[in-house]
Amino acid sequence: MIFCIVGSQKFQFERLIREMDRLVGDGIIQDEVIAQIGVCHYEPKHLKWQRFMDKNEFDHNIAECDVLVTHAGEGCIMTGLLKGRKVIAVPRFARFGEHLNDHQLQIARAMEKQNCLINVEDISMLEEVFLHLDEYQLTPYETGKERIIQTICDFIGE
């Protein structure tokens, strides 16, 4: 199952929802797709969707999905990575009225450098990503928590 999320921003993210709907409708994506579409005006025709989800339903969909397609908000990206999901991040852009600035582009690029997600800056490339999804060999995300704990223990002498 593919879980597609746009977050709970007051800004629309119709580029992503329209493209996911097209990919399902054209048969490029054959897996079940569940989407949280937020304030989008466009209502998908080829995938299951809700505007918003409560925490339990959201967590269930994260747990059940194989692939998480998400806006490039840090919280959603980290949720997917920490659950070991293959994450496709699509940054929101200010020029399309999707956010106030392009900070999501910076987040997606930084995480892409670590090879822990697939960054899709050009929505027309999403089809290509799905056509070759199995070929992506991503690096599991490591929080660094163990290193921090060891540094603290070393400092206090334990």
N, C-alpha and C. Protein backbone atom coordinates (compact mmCIF):
# COMPACT_ATOMS: atom_id res chain seq x y z
N MET A 1 0.84 -1.18 0.00
CA MET A 1 0.00 0.00 0.00
C MET A 1 0.89 1.24 0.00
N ILE A 2 0.43 2.25 -0.69
CA ILE A 2 1.11 3.54 -0.75
C ILE A 2 0.27 4.54 0.02
N PHE A 3 0.91 5.26 0.93
CA PHE A 3 0.23 6.29 1.71
C PHE A 3 0.79 7.63 1.25
N CYS A 4 -0.08 8.51 0.80
CA CYS A 4 0.30 9.83 0.30
C CYS A 4 -0.26 10.88 1.25
N ILE A 5 0.62 11.74 1.75
CA ILE A 5 0.18 12.74 2.73
C ILE A 5 0.69 14.13 2.36
N VAL A 6 -0.15 15.11 2.59
CA VAL A 6 0.22 16.49 2.31
C VAL A 6 0.30 17.33 3.58
N GLY A 7 0.09 16.71 4.73
CA GLY A 7 0.16 17.45 5.99
C GLY A 7 -1.12 18.21 6.27
N SER A 8 -1.04 19.09 7.25
CA SER A 8 -2.23 19.82 7.69
C SER A 8 -2.08 21.33 7.50
N GLN A 9 -1.22 21.72 6.58
CA GLN A 9 -1.02 23.14 6.29
C GLN A 9 -2.30 23.77 5.77
N LYS A 10 -2.38 25.09 5.89
CA LYS A 10 -3.52 25.82 5.33
C LYS A 10 -3.38 26.03 3.83
N PHE A 11 -2.24 25.58 3.28
CA PHE A 11 -1.96 25.73 1.86
C PHE A 11 -2.30 24.44 1.11
N GLN A 12 -2.82 24.59 -0.10
CA GLN A 12 -3.13 23.44 -0.96
C GLN A 12 -1.84 22.80 -1.47
N PHE A 13 -1.94 21.54 -1.89
CA PHE A 13 -0.82 20.86 -2.55
C PHE A 13 -1.40 19.98 -3.66
N GLU A 14 -2.12 20.66 -4.54
CA GLU A 14 -2.84 19.96 -5.60
C GLU A 14 -1.91 19.31 -6.62
N ARG A 15 -0.72 19.86 -6.85
CA ARG A 15 0.20 19.24 -7.81
C ARG A 15 0.44 17.78 -7.45
N LEU A 16 0.69 17.51 -6.18
CA LEU A 16 0.98 16.14 -5.76
C LEU A 16 -0.26 15.26 -5.86
N ILE A 17 -1.38 15.74 -5.38
CA ILE A 17 -2.60 14.91 -5.38
C ILE A 17 -3.06 14.63 -6.81
N ARG A 18 -3.03 15.62 -7.67
CA ARG A 18 -3.42 15.41 -9.07
C ARG A 18 -2.50 14.39 -9.76
N GLU A 19 -1.20 14.50 -9.50
CA GLU A 19 -0.27 13.58 -10.15
C GLU A 19 -0.42 12.16 -9.61
N MET A 20 -0.60 12.00 -8.33
CA MET A 20 -0.83 10.66 -7.78
C MET A 20 -2.11 10.06 -8.36
N ASP A 21 -3.15 10.86 -8.47
CA ASP A 21 -4.41 10.39 -9.04
C ASP A 21 -4.22 9.98 -10.50
N ARG A 22 -3.48 10.76 -11.26
CA ARG A 22 -3.21 10.43 -12.66
C ARG A 22 -2.42 9.12 -12.77
N LEU A 23 -1.41 8.96 -11.92
CA LEU A 23 -0.58 7.75 -11.98
C LEU A 23 -1.39 6.50 -11.67
N VAL A 24 -2.32 6.61 -10.75
CA VAL A 24 -3.19 5.47 -10.45
C VAL A 24 -4.16 5.26 -11.62
N GLY A 25 -4.76 6.32 -12.11
CA GLY A 25 -5.71 6.21 -13.21
C GLY A 25 -5.09 5.66 -14.48
N ASP A 26 -3.82 6.00 -14.74
CA ASP A 26 -3.12 5.52 -15.93
C ASP A 26 -2.50 4.13 -15.73
N GLY A 27 -2.64 3.58 -14.53
CA GLY A 27 -2.10 2.24 -14.27
C GLY A 27 -0.62 2.20 -14.00
N ILE A 28 0.04 3.35 -13.87
CA ILE A 28 1.47 3.38 -13.53
C ILE A 28 1.64 2.84 -12.11
N ILE A 29 0.77 3.30 -11.21
CA ILE A 29 0.73 2.78 -9.84
C ILE A 29 -0.42 1.78 -9.79
N GLN A 30 -0.10 0.55 -9.44
CA GLN A 30 -1.13 -0.47 -9.35
C GLN A 30 -1.44 -0.87 -7.92
N ASP A 31 -0.62 -0.43 -6.99
CA ASP A 31 -0.88 -0.69 -5.58
C ASP A 31 -2.04 0.18 -5.10
N GLU A 32 -2.63 -0.24 -4.00
CA GLU A 32 -3.65 0.60 -3.36
C GLU A 32 -2.98 1.88 -2.88
N VAL A 33 -3.65 3.00 -3.10
CA VAL A 33 -3.16 4.30 -2.63
C VAL A 33 -4.22 4.91 -1.73
N ILE A 34 -3.78 5.31 -0.54
CA ILE A 34 -4.63 6.06 0.38
C ILE A 34 -3.97 7.42 0.54
N ALA A 35 -4.76 8.48 0.40
CA ALA A 35 -4.21 9.83 0.46
C ALA A 35 -4.92 10.68 1.49
N GLN A 36 -4.14 11.48 2.17
CA GLN A 36 -4.64 12.54 3.05
C GLN A 36 -4.40 13.82 2.26
N ILE A 37 -5.48 14.46 1.78
CA ILE A 37 -5.33 15.54 0.80
C ILE A 37 -5.43 16.95 1.39
N GLY A 38 -5.72 17.08 2.66
CA GLY A 38 -5.77 18.40 3.28
C GLY A 38 -6.79 19.31 2.64
N VAL A 39 -6.38 20.54 2.36
CA VAL A 39 -7.30 21.56 1.86
C VAL A 39 -7.35 21.64 0.33
N CYS A 40 -6.87 20.62 -0.35
CA CYS A 40 -6.93 20.60 -1.82
C CYS A 40 -8.38 20.75 -2.29
N HIS A 41 -8.55 21.49 -3.35
CA HIS A 41 -9.88 21.61 -3.95
C HIS A 41 -10.16 20.42 -4.86
N TYR A 42 -9.11 19.88 -5.45
CA TYR A 42 -9.25 18.73 -6.33
C TYR A 42 -9.58 17.48 -5.52
N GLU A 43 -10.58 16.74 -5.96
CA GLU A 43 -10.97 15.50 -5.30
C GLU A 43 -10.59 14.33 -6.19
N PRO A 44 -9.65 13.50 -5.75
CA PRO A 44 -9.17 12.39 -6.57
C PRO A 44 -10.28 11.44 -6.99
N LYS A 45 -10.11 10.87 -8.18
CA LYS A 45 -11.09 9.94 -8.74
C LYS A 45 -10.61 8.49 -8.71
N HIS A 46 -9.30 8.28 -8.55
CA HIS A 46 -8.74 6.94 -8.71
C HIS A 46 -8.06 6.39 -7.46
N LEU A 47 -8.13 7.09 -6.38
CA LEU A 47 -7.52 6.61 -5.14
C LEU A 47 -8.41 6.94 -3.96
N LYS A 48 -8.21 6.21 -2.88
CA LYS A 48 -8.97 6.47 -1.65
C LYS A 48 -8.38 7.71 -0.99
N TRP A 49 -9.25 8.58 -0.46
CA TRP A 49 -8.72 9.79 0.13
C TRP A 49 -9.62 10.30 1.25
N GLN A 50 -9.00 11.09 2.10
CA GLN A 50 -9.68 11.86 3.15
C GLN A 50 -8.96 13.18 3.24
N ARG A 51 -9.66 14.19 3.68
CA ARG A 51 -9.00 15.48 3.86
C ARG A 51 -8.01 15.42 5.01
N PHE A 52 -8.46 14.94 6.15
CA PHE A 52 -7.61 14.82 7.33
C PHE A 52 -7.91 13.49 8.01
N MET A 53 -6.97 13.02 8.81
CA MET A 53 -7.12 11.76 9.53
C MET A 53 -6.78 11.98 11.00
N ASP A 54 -7.44 11.23 11.86
CA ASP A 54 -7.04 11.30 13.26
C ASP A 54 -5.73 10.54 13.43
N LYS A 55 -5.11 10.70 14.57
CA LYS A 55 -3.79 10.13 14.82
C LYS A 55 -3.78 8.61 14.67
N ASN A 56 -4.81 7.95 15.17
CA ASN A 56 -4.86 6.48 15.09
C ASN A 56 -4.89 6.00 13.64
N GLU A 57 -5.73 6.62 12.83
CA GLU A 57 -5.82 6.21 11.42
C GLU A 57 -4.53 6.54 10.67
N PHE A 58 -3.97 7.71 10.95
CA PHE A 58 -2.71 8.12 10.34
C PHE A 58 -1.61 7.12 10.70
N ASP A 59 -1.48 6.80 11.98
CA ASP A 59 -0.45 5.85 12.43
C ASP A 59 -0.66 4.47 11.82
N HIS A 60 -1.92 4.06 11.70
CA HIS A 60 -2.22 2.76 11.09
C HIS A 60 -1.76 2.74 9.63
N ASN A 61 -2.04 3.80 8.90
CA ASN A 61 -1.64 3.85 7.49
C ASN A 61 -0.12 3.90 7.34
N ILE A 62 0.56 4.59 8.22
CA ILE A 62 2.03 4.59 8.19
C ILE A 62 2.54 3.18 8.44
N ALA A 63 1.95 2.49 9.41
CA ALA A 63 2.38 1.13 9.75
C ALA A 63 2.12 0.15 8.62
N GLU A 64 1.06 0.36 7.85
CA GLU A 64 0.67 -0.57 6.80
C GLU A 64 1.32 -0.30 5.45
N CYS A 65 1.77 0.92 5.23
CA CYS A 65 2.27 1.26 3.90
C CYS A 65 3.68 0.70 3.66
N ASP A 66 3.95 0.46 2.39
CA ASP A 66 5.31 0.10 1.96
C ASP A 66 6.06 1.35 1.52
N VAL A 67 5.31 2.29 0.94
CA VAL A 67 5.88 3.52 0.42
C VAL A 67 5.09 4.69 0.98
N LEU A 68 5.81 5.71 1.43
CA LEU A 68 5.20 6.95 1.90
C LEU A 68 5.57 8.05 0.93
N VAL A 69 4.56 8.62 0.29
CA VAL A 69 4.76 9.79 -0.57
C VAL A 69 4.28 10.98 0.24
N THR A 70 5.18 11.92 0.49
CA THR A 70 4.85 12.99 1.42
C THR A 70 5.38 14.33 0.94
N HIS A 71 4.71 15.40 1.38
CA HIS A 71 5.31 16.72 1.23
C HIS A 71 6.62 16.66 2.03
N ALA A 72 7.49 17.61 1.83
CA ALA A 72 8.81 17.51 2.44
C ALA A 72 8.87 18.20 3.80
N GLY A 73 7.82 18.04 4.59
CA GLY A 73 7.84 18.53 5.96
C GLY A 73 8.65 17.56 6.81
N GLU A 74 9.46 18.11 7.68
CA GLU A 74 10.37 17.29 8.48
C GLU A 74 9.64 16.23 9.30
N GLY A 75 8.52 16.59 9.91
CA GLY A 75 7.80 15.64 10.76
C GLY A 75 7.30 14.43 9.98
N CYS A 76 6.72 14.66 8.81
CA CYS A 76 6.22 13.54 8.01
C CYS A 76 7.35 12.69 7.46
N ILE A 77 8.41 13.34 7.00
CA ILE A 77 9.56 12.58 6.51
C ILE A 77 10.12 11.70 7.61
N MET A 78 10.36 12.28 8.78
CA MET A 78 10.96 11.52 9.89
C MET A 78 10.05 10.38 10.35
N THR A 79 8.75 10.62 10.35
CA THR A 79 7.82 9.55 10.72
C THR A 79 8.00 8.35 9.81
N GLY A 80 8.06 8.59 8.52
CA GLY A 80 8.25 7.50 7.57
C GLY A 80 9.60 6.83 7.70
N LEU A 81 10.65 7.62 7.83
CA LEU A 81 12.00 7.06 7.93
C LEU A 81 12.18 6.24 9.20
N LEU A 82 11.68 6.74 10.31
CA LEU A 82 11.84 6.02 11.58
C LEU A 82 11.03 4.73 11.62
N LYS A 83 10.01 4.64 10.77
CA LYS A 83 9.23 3.40 10.66
C LYS A 83 9.81 2.49 9.57
N GLY A 84 10.90 2.91 8.94
CA GLY A 84 11.55 2.07 7.95
C GLY A 84 10.85 2.03 6.60
N ARG A 85 10.06 3.03 6.29
CA ARG A 85 9.34 3.05 5.02
C ARG A 85 10.21 3.67 3.92
N LYS A 86 9.95 3.27 2.69
CA LYS A 86 10.58 3.94 1.55
C LYS A 86 9.84 5.26 1.40
N VAL A 87 10.58 6.37 1.49
CA VAL A 87 9.97 7.70 1.49
C VAL A 87 10.29 8.43 0.20
N ILE A 88 9.23 8.94 -0.43
CA ILE A 88 9.34 9.82 -1.58
C ILE A 88 8.88 11.19 -1.10
N ALA A 89 9.79 12.16 -1.10
CA ALA A 89 9.47 13.51 -0.63
C ALA A 89 9.28 14.43 -1.83
N VAL A 90 8.18 15.17 -1.81
CA VAL A 90 7.88 16.14 -2.86
C VAL A 90 7.74 17.50 -2.18
N PRO A 91 8.76 18.35 -2.34
CA PRO A 91 8.71 19.65 -1.64
C PRO A 91 7.59 20.55 -2.15
N ARG A 92 6.98 21.26 -1.22
CA ARG A 92 6.03 22.32 -1.57
C ARG A 92 6.86 23.54 -2.01
N PHE A 93 6.30 24.33 -2.92
CA PHE A 93 6.99 25.53 -3.40
C PHE A 93 6.12 26.77 -3.20
N ALA A 94 6.76 27.86 -2.82
CA ALA A 94 6.06 29.13 -2.62
C ALA A 94 5.47 29.63 -3.94
N ARG A 95 6.18 29.44 -5.05
CA ARG A 95 5.71 29.98 -6.34
C ARG A 95 4.38 29.38 -6.79
N PHE A 96 4.03 28.23 -6.24
CA PHE A 96 2.75 27.60 -6.57
C PHE A 96 1.70 27.83 -5.47
N GLY A 97 2.03 28.67 -4.49
CA GLY A 97 1.10 28.95 -3.40
C GLY A 97 0.95 27.78 -2.44
N GLU A 98 1.98 26.93 -2.37
CA GLU A 98 1.92 25.74 -1.54
C GLU A 98 2.54 25.95 -0.16
N HIS A 99 3.28 27.04 -0.01
CA HIS A 99 3.89 27.39 1.27
C HIS A 99 4.37 28.82 1.20
N LEU A 100 4.87 29.34 2.32
CA LEU A 100 5.35 30.72 2.36
C LEU A 100 6.74 30.87 1.75
N ASN A 101 7.55 29.82 1.83
CA ASN A 101 8.90 29.84 1.28
C ASN A 101 9.27 28.43 0.82
N ASP A 102 10.51 28.26 0.43
CA ASP A 102 10.93 26.97 -0.11
C ASP A 102 11.80 26.16 0.85
N HIS A 103 11.53 26.28 2.14
CA HIS A 103 12.34 25.53 3.12
C HIS A 103 12.22 24.02 2.94
N GLN A 104 11.09 23.53 2.40
CA GLN A 104 10.94 22.09 2.21
C GLN A 104 11.93 21.57 1.16
N LEU A 105 12.30 22.40 0.23
CA LEU A 105 13.31 22.02 -0.76
C LEU A 105 14.65 21.77 -0.06
N GLN A 106 14.99 22.61 0.88
CA GLN A 106 16.24 22.44 1.63
C GLN A 106 16.22 21.15 2.44
N ILE A 107 15.10 20.87 3.08
CA ILE A 107 14.97 19.64 3.87
C ILE A 107 15.12 18.41 2.97
N ALA A 108 14.40 18.40 1.85
CA ALA A 108 14.43 17.25 0.95
C ALA A 108 15.83 17.03 0.38
N ARG A 109 16.50 18.11 0.02
CA ARG A 109 17.86 17.98 -0.53
C ARG A 109 18.85 17.47 0.52
N ALA A 110 18.71 17.95 1.74
CA ALA A 110 19.61 17.49 2.81
C ALA A 110 19.42 16.01 3.08
N MET A 111 18.17 15.54 3.11
CA MET A 111 17.90 14.13 3.36
C MET A 111 18.30 13.27 2.16
N GLU A 112 18.16 13.84 0.96
CA GLU A 112 18.56 13.13 -0.26
C GLU A 112 20.08 12.88 -0.25
N LYS A 113 20.84 13.85 0.24
CA LYS A 113 22.30 13.68 0.32
C LYS A 113 22.69 12.51 1.21
N GLN A 114 21.85 12.20 2.18
CA GLN A 114 22.10 11.05 3.06
C GLN A 114 21.59 9.75 2.43
N ASN A 115 20.99 9.84 1.25
CA ASN A 115 20.45 8.70 0.51
C ASN A 115 19.39 7.93 1.30
N CYS A 116 18.62 8.65 2.11
CA CYS A 116 17.60 7.96 2.90
C CYS A 116 16.20 8.19 2.34
N LEU A 117 16.06 9.01 1.30
CA LEU A 117 14.76 9.20 0.66
C LEU A 117 14.95 9.55 -0.79
N ILE A 118 13.86 9.54 -1.53
CA ILE A 118 13.84 9.95 -2.93
C ILE A 118 13.22 11.34 -2.98
N ASN A 119 13.98 12.30 -3.48
CA ASN A 119 13.53 13.68 -3.57
C ASN A 119 13.00 13.94 -4.97
N VAL A 120 11.73 14.36 -5.07
CA VAL A 120 11.11 14.65 -6.37
C VAL A 120 10.76 16.14 -6.40
N GLU A 121 11.65 16.94 -6.99
CA GLU A 121 11.42 18.38 -7.06
C GLU A 121 10.53 18.75 -8.24
N ASP A 122 10.62 17.98 -9.32
CA ASP A 122 9.82 18.21 -10.52
C ASP A 122 8.73 17.14 -10.54
N ILE A 123 7.50 17.55 -10.36
CA ILE A 123 6.39 16.59 -10.24
C ILE A 123 6.28 15.68 -11.45
N SER A 124 6.74 16.12 -12.61
CA SER A 124 6.68 15.26 -13.80
C SER A 124 7.62 14.07 -13.68
N MET A 125 8.55 14.09 -12.75
CA MET A 125 9.48 12.97 -12.54
C MET A 125 8.91 11.90 -11.62
N LEU A 126 7.76 12.14 -11.02
CA LEU A 126 7.18 11.16 -10.11
C LEU A 126 6.85 9.86 -10.83
N GLU A 127 6.38 9.95 -12.07
CA GLU A 127 6.09 8.74 -12.84
C GLU A 127 7.36 7.90 -13.02
N GLU A 128 8.45 8.54 -13.37
CA GLU A 128 9.72 7.83 -13.55
C GLU A 128 10.16 7.15 -12.26
N VAL A 129 9.97 7.82 -11.15
CA VAL A 129 10.32 7.24 -9.85
C VAL A 129 9.52 5.96 -9.62
N PHE A 130 8.22 6.01 -9.87
CA PHE A 130 7.40 4.82 -9.65
C PHE A 130 7.71 3.70 -10.64
N LEU A 131 8.09 4.06 -11.85
CA LEU A 131 8.45 3.03 -12.83
C LEU A 131 9.71 2.27 -12.42
N HIS A 132 10.57 2.91 -11.64
CA HIS A 132 11.85 2.31 -11.24
C HIS A 132 12.00 2.21 -9.72
N LEU A 133 10.90 2.21 -9.01
CA LEU A 133 10.92 2.25 -7.55
C LEU A 133 11.75 1.13 -6.93
N ASP A 134 11.67 -0.06 -7.49
CA ASP A 134 12.39 -1.20 -6.93
C ASP A 134 13.91 -1.07 -7.09
N GLU A 135 14.35 -0.20 -7.96
CA GLU A 135 15.78 -0.05 -8.21
C GLU A 135 16.45 0.88 -7.20
N TYR A 136 15.69 1.64 -6.46
CA TYR A 136 16.26 2.57 -5.48
C TYR A 136 16.76 1.79 -4.27
N GLN A 137 18.04 1.93 -3.99
CA GLN A 137 18.64 1.31 -2.82
C GLN A 137 18.95 2.42 -1.82
N LEU A 138 18.02 2.64 -0.90
CA LEU A 138 18.16 3.73 0.06
C LEU A 138 18.86 3.25 1.32
N THR A 139 19.51 4.16 1.99
CA THR A 139 20.21 3.88 3.24
C THR A 139 19.25 4.08 4.40
N PRO A 140 19.13 3.11 5.30
CA PRO A 140 18.26 3.30 6.47
C PRO A 140 18.71 4.54 7.26
N TYR A 141 17.75 5.30 7.71
CA TYR A 141 18.05 6.51 8.47
C TYR A 141 18.50 6.15 9.88
N GLU A 142 19.58 6.77 10.32
CA GLU A 142 20.07 6.57 11.69
C GLU A 142 19.98 7.89 12.43
N THR A 143 19.37 7.84 13.60
CA THR A 143 19.13 9.07 14.35
C THR A 143 20.38 9.62 15.01
N GLY A 144 21.34 8.78 15.28
CA GLY A 144 22.53 9.23 16.01
C GLY A 144 22.33 9.20 17.51
N LYS A 145 21.18 8.67 17.95
CA LYS A 145 20.86 8.64 19.38
C LYS A 145 21.92 7.88 20.17
N GLU A 146 22.36 6.74 19.65
CA GLU A 146 23.34 5.94 20.37
C GLU A 146 24.65 6.71 20.55
N ARG A 147 25.07 7.45 19.53
CA ARG A 147 26.31 8.24 19.60
C ARG A 147 26.17 9.33 20.66
N ILE A 148 25.02 9.96 20.72
CA ILE A 148 24.78 11.01 21.71
C ILE A 148 24.82 10.43 23.12
N ILE A 149 24.15 9.30 23.31
CA ILE A 149 24.15 8.65 24.62
C ILE A 149 25.57 8.27 25.03
N GLN A 150 26.34 7.72 24.10
CA GLN A 150 27.72 7.33 24.42
C GLN A 150 28.57 8.55 24.75
N THR A 151 28.37 9.63 24.06
CA THR A 151 29.13 10.87 24.35
C THR A 151 28.81 11.36 25.75
N ILE A 152 27.56 11.31 26.14
CA ILE A 152 27.15 11.74 27.49
C ILE A 152 27.76 10.81 28.53
N CYS A 153 27.66 9.51 28.29
CA CYS A 153 28.24 8.53 29.23
C CYS A 153 29.75 8.73 29.35
N ASP A 154 30.44 8.95 28.25
CA ASP A 154 31.87 9.19 28.29
C ASP A 154 32.18 10.44 29.11
N PHE A 155 31.35 11.47 28.94
CA PHE A 155 31.58 12.72 29.64
C PHE A 155 31.43 12.56 31.16
N ILE A 156 30.41 11.79 31.58
CA ILE A 156 30.19 11.64 33.02
C ILE A 156 30.98 10.48 33.60
N GLY A 157 31.72 9.77 32.74
CA GLY A 157 32.61 8.75 33.24
C GLY A 157 31.98 7.39 33.47
N GLU A 158 30.94 7.04 32.74
CA GLU A 158 30.32 5.72 32.90
C GLU A 158 30.56 4.88 31.68
